[in-house]
């Protein structure tokens, strides 16, 4: 297990700089096996040093690229596969470990394409507002998969929401609830940005 200060969604990519001794032990074991490990959000504590409290719903990841550096550190690129729930945390010896179960996502409902398009529009609206505050924000959205289930995870992974909000989206137990959760959080961001614009707040470019 690899507890982080951010949420990894299925189908999203995460770069990892592995320098702690415990993860230097973990990575070779992963590479020698199925190259998979779990990622969970840290609820309280730090990524470094251990002793943290973790959420139980996370994402199974697979190492897509690994480079061992001369000093024993690793540069990894991993991709999220599917959601998992921790059934039981084990001792962090020599690295964080847990028994997990895979959370199977339901088949999206017939209205899934419309829900997909709705959350994409929500993200577009937020980024348009954000760009009025900071012109460095790109005008164009990235390409999102035509498959609604994949697309909503992709939208969530690039949405400007905090890790706790992202965790709530990840924890949603159905496609429709995940879309509703993400839309609600994007609406909150849009309201905050409109308030900043109304106050004349803006980016100076410095």
C-alpha atoms as a PDB file:
ATOM      1  CA  UNK A   1       0.000   0.000   0.000  1.00  0.00           C
ATOM      2  CA  UNK A   2       1.131   3.517  -0.802  1.00  0.00           C
ATOM      3  CA  UNK A   3      -0.695   6.175   1.282  1.00  0.00           C
ATOM      4  CA  UNK A   4      -0.599   9.598  -0.390  1.00  0.00           C
ATOM      5  CA  UNK A   5      -1.766  13.128   0.265  1.00  0.00           C
ATOM      6  CA  UNK A   6      -3.839  13.053  -2.913  1.00  0.00           C
ATOM      7  CA  UNK A   7      -6.456  10.772  -4.452  1.00  0.00           C
ATOM      8  CA  UNK A   8      -5.696   8.481  -7.372  1.00  0.00           C
ATOM      9  CA  UNK A   9      -8.720   7.710  -9.553  1.00  0.00           C
ATOM     10  CA  UNK A  10      -9.057   4.691 -11.839  1.00  0.00           C
ATOM     11  CA  UNK A  11      -7.628   5.400 -15.326  1.00  0.00           C
ATOM     12  CA  UNK A  12      -5.585   8.328 -14.005  1.00  0.00           C
ATOM     13  CA  UNK A  13      -1.787   8.448 -14.042  1.00  0.00           C
ATOM     14  CA  UNK A  14       0.386   9.367 -11.072  1.00  0.00           C
ATOM     15  CA  UNK A  15       4.148  10.003 -11.007  1.00  0.00           C
ATOM     16  CA  UNK A  16       5.867   8.879  -7.811  1.00  0.00           C
ATOM     17  CA  UNK A  17       9.275   9.730  -6.411  1.00  0.00           C
ATOM     18  CA  UNK A  18      10.221   6.868  -4.124  1.00  0.00           C
ATOM     19  CA  UNK A  19      12.908   7.786  -1.621  1.00  0.00           C
ATOM     20  CA  UNK A  20      11.821   6.422   1.774  1.00  0.00           C
ATOM     21  CA  UNK A  21      13.540   3.157   2.809  1.00  0.00           C
ATOM     22  CA  UNK A  22      10.221   1.361   3.337  1.00  0.00           C
ATOM     23  CA  UNK A  23       9.094   2.034  -0.236  1.00  0.00           C
ATOM     24  CA  UNK A  24      12.532   1.232  -1.632  1.00  0.00           C
ATOM     25  CA  UNK A  25      11.850  -2.225  -0.244  1.00  0.00           C
ATOM     26  CA  UNK A  26       8.292  -2.330  -1.567  1.00  0.00           C
ATOM     27  CA  UNK A  27       8.968  -1.326  -5.170  1.00  0.00           C
ATOM     28  CA  UNK A  28      11.291  -4.219  -6.112  1.00  0.00           C
ATOM     29  CA  UNK A  29       8.765  -6.662  -4.643  1.00  0.00           C
ATOM     30  CA  UNK A  30       6.028  -5.093  -6.774  1.00  0.00           C
ATOM     31  CA  UNK A  31       8.186  -5.201  -9.886  1.00  0.00           C
ATOM     32  CA  UNK A  32       8.997  -8.864  -9.269  1.00  0.00           C
ATOM     33  CA  UNK A  33       5.295  -9.689  -8.967  1.00  0.00           C
ATOM     34  CA  UNK A  34       2.200  -8.310 -10.686  1.00  0.00           C
ATOM     35  CA  UNK A  35       3.492  -4.712 -10.459  1.00  0.00           C
ATOM     36  CA  UNK A  36       0.372  -3.681  -8.540  1.00  0.00           C
ATOM     37  CA  UNK A  37      -0.090  -1.811  -5.273  1.00  0.00           C
ATOM     38  CA  UNK A  38      -2.869   0.069  -3.523  1.00  0.00           C
ATOM     39  CA  UNK A  39      -3.125   3.849  -3.164  1.00  0.00           C
ATOM     40  CA  UNK A  40      -5.181   5.420  -0.386  1.00  0.00           C
ATOM     41  CA  UNK A  41      -5.596   8.994   0.803  1.00  0.00           C
ATOM     42  CA  UNK A  42      -4.017   9.976   4.110  1.00  0.00           C
ATOM     43  CA  UNK A  43      -6.726  11.250   6.452  1.00  0.00           C
ATOM     44  CA  UNK A  44      -4.352  12.616   9.090  1.00  0.00           C
ATOM     45  CA  UNK A  45      -0.587  12.741   9.075  1.00  0.00           C
ATOM     46  CA  UNK A  46       2.171  13.017   6.502  1.00  0.00           C
ATOM     47  CA  UNK A  47       3.287  11.032   3.478  1.00  0.00           C
ATOM     48  CA  UNK A  48       6.747  10.756   5.008  1.00  0.00           C
ATOM     49  CA  UNK A  49       7.631   8.867   8.163  1.00  0.00           C
ATOM     50  CA  UNK A  50       4.549   6.744   8.805  1.00  0.00           C
ATOM     51  CA  UNK A  51       2.159   6.973  11.733  1.00  0.00           C
ATOM     52  CA  UNK A  52      -0.590   8.336   9.508  1.00  0.00           C
ATOM     53  CA  UNK A  53      -4.328   7.601   9.539  1.00  0.00           C
ATOM     54  CA  UNK A  54      -5.729   6.479   6.187  1.00  0.00           C
ATOM     55  CA  UNK A  55      -9.037   6.248   4.404  1.00  0.00           C
ATOM     56  CA  UNK A  56     -10.146   2.713   3.573  1.00  0.00           C
ATOM     57  CA  UNK A  57     -11.390   3.285   0.000  1.00  0.00           C
ATOM     58  CA  UNK A  58      -8.645   3.729  -2.553  1.00  0.00           C
ATOM     59  CA  UNK A  59      -7.452   2.609  -5.958  1.00  0.00           C
ATOM     60  CA  UNK A  60      -5.445  -0.352  -7.165  1.00  0.00           C
ATOM     61  CA  UNK A  61      -2.547   0.885  -9.299  1.00  0.00           C
ATOM     62  CA  UNK A  62      -0.131  -0.774 -11.680  1.00  0.00           C
ATOM     63  CA  UNK A  63       3.415   0.379 -12.364  1.00  0.00           C
ATOM     64  CA  UNK A  64       3.653   1.464 -16.006  1.00  0.00           C
ATOM     65  CA  UNK A  65       7.251   2.654 -15.870  1.00  0.00           C
ATOM     66  CA  UNK A  66      10.000   2.314 -13.286  1.00  0.00           C
ATOM     67  CA  UNK A  67      13.498   3.717 -13.217  1.00  0.00           C
ATOM     68  CA  UNK A  68      15.918   2.952 -10.424  1.00  0.00           C
ATOM     69  CA  UNK A  69      18.244   5.868  -9.769  1.00  0.00           C
ATOM     70  CA  UNK A  70      21.923   5.411  -8.856  1.00  0.00           C
ATOM     71  CA  UNK A  71      21.313   6.213  -5.188  1.00  0.00           C
ATOM     72  CA  UNK A  72      18.564   3.599  -4.819  1.00  0.00           C
ATOM     73  CA  UNK A  73      15.583   5.898  -5.274  1.00  0.00           C
ATOM     74  CA  UNK A  74      12.905   5.082  -7.860  1.00  0.00           C
ATOM     75  CA  UNK A  75      11.033   7.218 -10.345  1.00  0.00           C
ATOM     76  CA  UNK A  76       7.699   5.548 -11.041  1.00  0.00           C
ATOM     77  CA  UNK A  77       4.722   6.160 -13.255  1.00  0.00           C
ATOM     78  CA  UNK A  78       1.609   4.271 -12.187  1.00  0.00           C
ATOM     79  CA  UNK A  79      -1.914   4.081 -13.585  1.00  0.00           C
ATOM     80  CA  UNK A  80      -5.096   3.589 -11.587  1.00  0.00           C
ATOM     81  CA  UNK A  81      -6.985   0.388 -12.358  1.00  0.00           C
ATOM     82  CA  UNK A  82     -10.041  -0.034 -10.137  1.00  0.00           C
ATOM     83  CA  UNK A  83     -11.408   0.952  -6.752  1.00  0.00           C
ATOM     84  CA  UNK A  84     -10.557  -1.077  -3.666  1.00  0.00           C
ATOM     85  CA  UNK A  85     -11.611  -1.144  -0.038  1.00  0.00           C
ATOM     86  CA  UNK A  86      -9.259  -2.063   2.784  1.00  0.00           C
ATOM     87  CA  UNK A  87     -10.714  -4.999   4.684  1.00  0.00           C
ATOM     88  CA  UNK A  88      -7.911  -5.068   7.239  1.00  0.00           C
ATOM     89  CA  UNK A  89      -4.762  -3.069   7.785  1.00  0.00           C
ATOM     90  CA  UNK A  90      -1.701  -5.165   8.563  1.00  0.00           C
ATOM     91  CA  UNK A  91       1.495  -4.142  10.325  1.00  0.00           C
ATOM     92  CA  UNK A  92       3.566  -1.538   8.477  1.00  0.00           C
ATOM     93  CA  UNK A  93       6.518  -3.909   8.420  1.00  0.00           C
ATOM     94  CA  UNK A  94       8.526  -3.383   6.352  1.00  0.00           C
ATOM     95  CA  UNK A  95       6.070  -1.162   4.442  1.00  0.00           C
ATOM     96  CA  UNK A  96       2.309  -0.395   4.598  1.00  0.00           C
ATOM     97  CA  UNK A  97       0.283  -3.525   3.877  1.00  0.00           C
ATOM     98  CA  UNK A  98      -3.409  -4.431   3.884  1.00  0.00           C
ATOM     99  CA  UNK A  99      -5.923  -7.045   2.859  1.00  0.00           C
ATOM    100  CA  UNK A 100      -8.163  -5.443   0.244  1.00  0.00           C
ATOM    101  CA  UNK A 101     -11.269  -6.269  -1.766  1.00  0.00           C
ATOM    102  CA  UNK A 102     -11.968  -4.967  -5.245  1.00  0.00           C
ATOM    103  CA  UNK A 103     -15.046  -2.755  -5.535  1.00  0.00           C
ATOM    104  CA  UNK A 104     -16.803  -3.596  -8.775  1.00  0.00           C
ATOM    105  CA  UNK A 105     -18.462  -0.609 -10.428  1.00  0.00           C
ATOM    106  CA  UNK A 106     -22.014  -1.129 -11.619  1.00  0.00           C
ATOM    107  CA  UNK A 107     -22.928  -0.949 -15.281  1.00  0.00           C
ATOM    108  CA  UNK A 108     -23.707   2.725 -15.969  1.00  0.00           C
ATOM    109  CA  UNK A 109     -27.412   3.470 -16.535  1.00  0.00           C
ATOM    110  CA  UNK A 110     -28.910   4.346 -19.915  1.00  0.00           C
ATOM    111  CA  UNK A 111     -28.631   8.041 -19.110  1.00  0.00           C
ATOM    112  CA  UNK A 112     -24.898   7.687 -18.466  1.00  0.00           C
ATOM    113  CA  UNK A 113     -23.818   9.564 -21.643  1.00  0.00           C
ATOM    114  CA  UNK A 114     -25.936  12.553 -20.594  1.00  0.00           C
ATOM    115  CA  UNK A 115     -24.479  12.464 -17.087  1.00  0.00           C
ATOM    116  CA  UNK A 116     -20.981  12.238 -18.550  1.00  0.00           C
ATOM    117  CA  UNK A 117     -21.616  15.291 -20.735  1.00  0.00           C
ATOM    118  CA  UNK A 118     -23.049  17.161 -17.756  1.00  0.00           C
ATOM    119  CA  UNK A 119     -19.957  16.780 -15.582  1.00  0.00           C
ATOM    120  CA  UNK A 120     -17.747  17.726 -18.539  1.00  0.00           C
ATOM    121  CA  UNK A 121     -19.780  20.940 -18.912  1.00  0.00           C
ATOM    122  CA  UNK A 122     -19.483  21.563 -15.172  1.00  0.00           C
ATOM    123  CA  UNK A 123     -15.699  21.302 -15.400  1.00  0.00           C
ATOM    124  CA  UNK A 124     -15.666  23.537 -18.472  1.00  0.00           C
ATOM    125  CA  UNK A 125     -17.667  26.204 -16.624  1.00  0.00           C
ATOM    126  CA  UNK A 126     -15.282  26.114 -13.658  1.00  0.00           C
ATOM    127  CA  UNK A 127     -12.202  26.400 -15.854  1.00  0.00           C
ATOM    128  CA  UNK A 128     -13.732  29.302 -17.783  1.00  0.00           C
ATOM    129  CA  UNK A 129     -14.288  31.169 -14.524  1.00  0.00           C
ATOM    130  CA  UNK A 130     -10.833  30.255 -13.289  1.00  0.00           C
ATOM    131  CA  UNK A 131      -9.287  31.524 -16.520  1.00  0.00           C
ATOM    132  CA  UNK A 132     -10.826  34.954 -15.885  1.00  0.00           C
ATOM    133  CA  UNK A 133      -8.773  35.028 -12.691  1.00  0.00           C
ATOM    134  CA  UNK A 134      -5.665  33.437 -14.174  1.00  0.00           C
ATOM    135  CA  UNK A 135      -5.143  33.607 -17.964  1.00  0.00           C
ATOM    136  CA  UNK A 136      -2.556  30.826 -17.696  1.00  0.00           C
ATOM    137  CA  UNK A 137      -5.379  28.293 -17.272  1.00  0.00           C
ATOM    138  CA  UNK A 138      -5.715  26.407 -20.595  1.00  0.00           C
ATOM    139  CA  UNK A 139      -8.753  27.203 -22.701  1.00  0.00           C
ATOM    140  CA  UNK A 140      -9.228  23.681 -24.025  1.00  0.00           C
ATOM    141  CA  UNK A 141     -10.313  20.692 -21.980  1.00  0.00           C
ATOM    142  CA  UNK A 142      -8.321  17.464 -22.304  1.00  0.00           C
ATOM    143  CA  UNK A 143      -9.918  14.657 -24.273  1.00  0.00           C
ATOM    144  CA  UNK A 144     -12.175  12.479 -22.163  1.00  0.00           C
ATOM    145  CA  UNK A 145     -13.007   8.899 -23.034  1.00  0.00           C
ATOM    146  CA  UNK A 146     -16.280   8.165 -24.792  1.00  0.00           C
ATOM    147  CA  UNK A 147     -16.973   5.489 -22.193  1.00  0.00           C
ATOM    148  CA  UNK A 148     -18.957   7.325 -19.492  1.00  0.00           C
ATOM    149  CA  UNK A 149     -17.481   5.407 -16.550  1.00  0.00           C
ATOM    150  CA  UNK A 150     -13.914   6.112 -17.628  1.00  0.00           C
ATOM    151  CA  UNK A 151     -14.696   9.698 -18.561  1.00  0.00           C
ATOM    152  CA  UNK A 152     -16.138  10.637 -15.179  1.00  0.00           C
ATOM    153  CA  UNK A 153     -13.042   9.308 -13.419  1.00  0.00           C
ATOM    154  CA  UNK A 154     -10.907  11.291 -15.869  1.00  0.00           C
ATOM    155  CA  UNK A 155     -12.906  14.469 -15.240  1.00  0.00           C
ATOM    156  CA  UNK A 156     -12.564  13.961 -11.498  1.00  0.00           C
ATOM    157  CA  UNK A 157      -8.798  13.479 -11.781  1.00  0.00           C
ATOM    158  CA  UNK A 158      -8.288  16.908 -13.417  1.00  0.00           C
ATOM    159  CA  UNK A 159     -10.968  18.824 -11.504  1.00  0.00           C
ATOM    160  CA  UNK A 160      -9.755  21.628  -9.202  1.00  0.00           C
ATOM    161  CA  UNK A 161     -11.146  20.102  -6.019  1.00  0.00           C
ATOM    162  CA  UNK A 162      -9.375  19.288  -2.781  1.00  0.00           C
ATOM    163  CA  UNK A 163      -8.325  15.791  -1.729  1.00  0.00           C
ATOM    164  CA  UNK A 164     -11.201  15.336   0.734  1.00  0.00           C
ATOM    165  CA  UNK A 165     -13.736  16.261  -1.960  1.00  0.00           C
ATOM    166  CA  UNK A 166     -11.966  13.930  -4.384  1.00  0.00           C
ATOM    167  CA  UNK A 167     -12.201  11.160  -1.785  1.00  0.00           C
ATOM    168  CA  UNK A 168     -15.972  11.616  -1.539  1.00  0.00           C
ATOM    169  CA  UNK A 169     -16.232  11.281  -5.308  1.00  0.00           C
ATOM    170  CA  UNK A 170     -14.116   8.118  -5.247  1.00  0.00           C
ATOM    171  CA  UNK A 171     -16.221   6.637  -2.450  1.00  0.00           C
ATOM    172  CA  UNK A 172     -19.533   7.132  -4.303  1.00  0.00           C
ATOM    173  CA  UNK A 173     -21.066   3.691  -4.696  1.00  0.00           C
ATOM    174  CA  UNK A 174     -22.737   4.123  -8.087  1.00  0.00           C
ATOM    175  CA  UNK A 175     -22.103   5.910 -11.359  1.00  0.00           C
ATOM    176  CA  UNK A 176     -25.025   8.294 -10.859  1.00  0.00           C
ATOM    177  CA  UNK A 177     -23.952   9.151  -7.293  1.00  0.00           C
ATOM    178  CA  UNK A 178     -20.376   9.697  -8.474  1.00  0.00           C
ATOM    179  CA  UNK A 179     -21.584  12.133 -11.125  1.00  0.00           C
ATOM    180  CA  UNK A 180     -23.812  13.922  -8.612  1.00  0.00           C
ATOM    181  CA  UNK A 181     -20.987  14.164  -6.082  1.00  0.00           C
ATOM    182  CA  UNK A 182     -18.566  15.554  -8.646  1.00  0.00           C
ATOM    183  CA  UNK A 183     -21.117  18.019 -10.020  1.00  0.00           C
ATOM    184  CA  UNK A 184     -21.879  19.266  -6.505  1.00  0.00           C
ATOM    185  CA  UNK A 185     -18.216  19.886  -5.784  1.00  0.00           C
ATOM    186  CA  UNK A 186     -17.642  21.601  -9.107  1.00  0.00           C
ATOM    187  CA  UNK A 187     -20.671  23.800  -8.430  1.00  0.00           C
ATOM    188  CA  UNK A 188     -19.121  24.787  -5.100  1.00  0.00           C
ATOM    189  CA  UNK A 189     -15.905  25.721  -6.891  1.00  0.00           C
ATOM    190  CA  UNK A 190     -17.834  27.762  -9.455  1.00  0.00           C
ATOM    191  CA  UNK A 191     -19.620  29.656  -6.673  1.00  0.00           C
ATOM    192  CA  UNK A 192     -16.304  30.460  -4.977  1.00  0.00           C
ATOM    193  CA  UNK A 193     -14.791  31.674  -8.237  1.00  0.00           C
ATOM    194  CA  UNK A 194     -17.814  33.873  -8.993  1.00  0.00           C
ATOM    195  CA  UNK A 195     -17.498  35.393  -5.539  1.00  0.00           C
ATOM    196  CA  UNK A 196     -13.834  36.178  -6.171  1.00  0.00           C
ATOM    197  CA  UNK A 197     -14.689  37.740  -9.506  1.00  0.00           C
ATOM    198  CA  UNK A 198     -17.420  39.842  -7.913  1.00  0.00           C
ATOM    199  CA  UNK A 199     -14.841  41.142  -5.410  1.00  0.00           C
ATOM    200  CA  UNK A 200     -12.472  42.015  -8.233  1.00  0.00           C
ATOM    201  CA  UNK A 201      -9.963  39.369  -7.313  1.00  0.00           C
ATOM    202  CA  UNK A 202      -7.588  38.345 -10.050  1.00  0.00           C
ATOM    203  CA  UNK A 203      -4.203  36.918 -10.836  1.00  0.00           C
ATOM    204  CA  UNK A 204      -1.350  39.337 -11.304  1.00  0.00           C
ATOM    205  CA  UNK A 205       0.734  36.876 -13.287  1.00  0.00           C
ATOM    206  CA  UNK A 206       3.549  37.025 -10.764  1.00  0.00           C
END
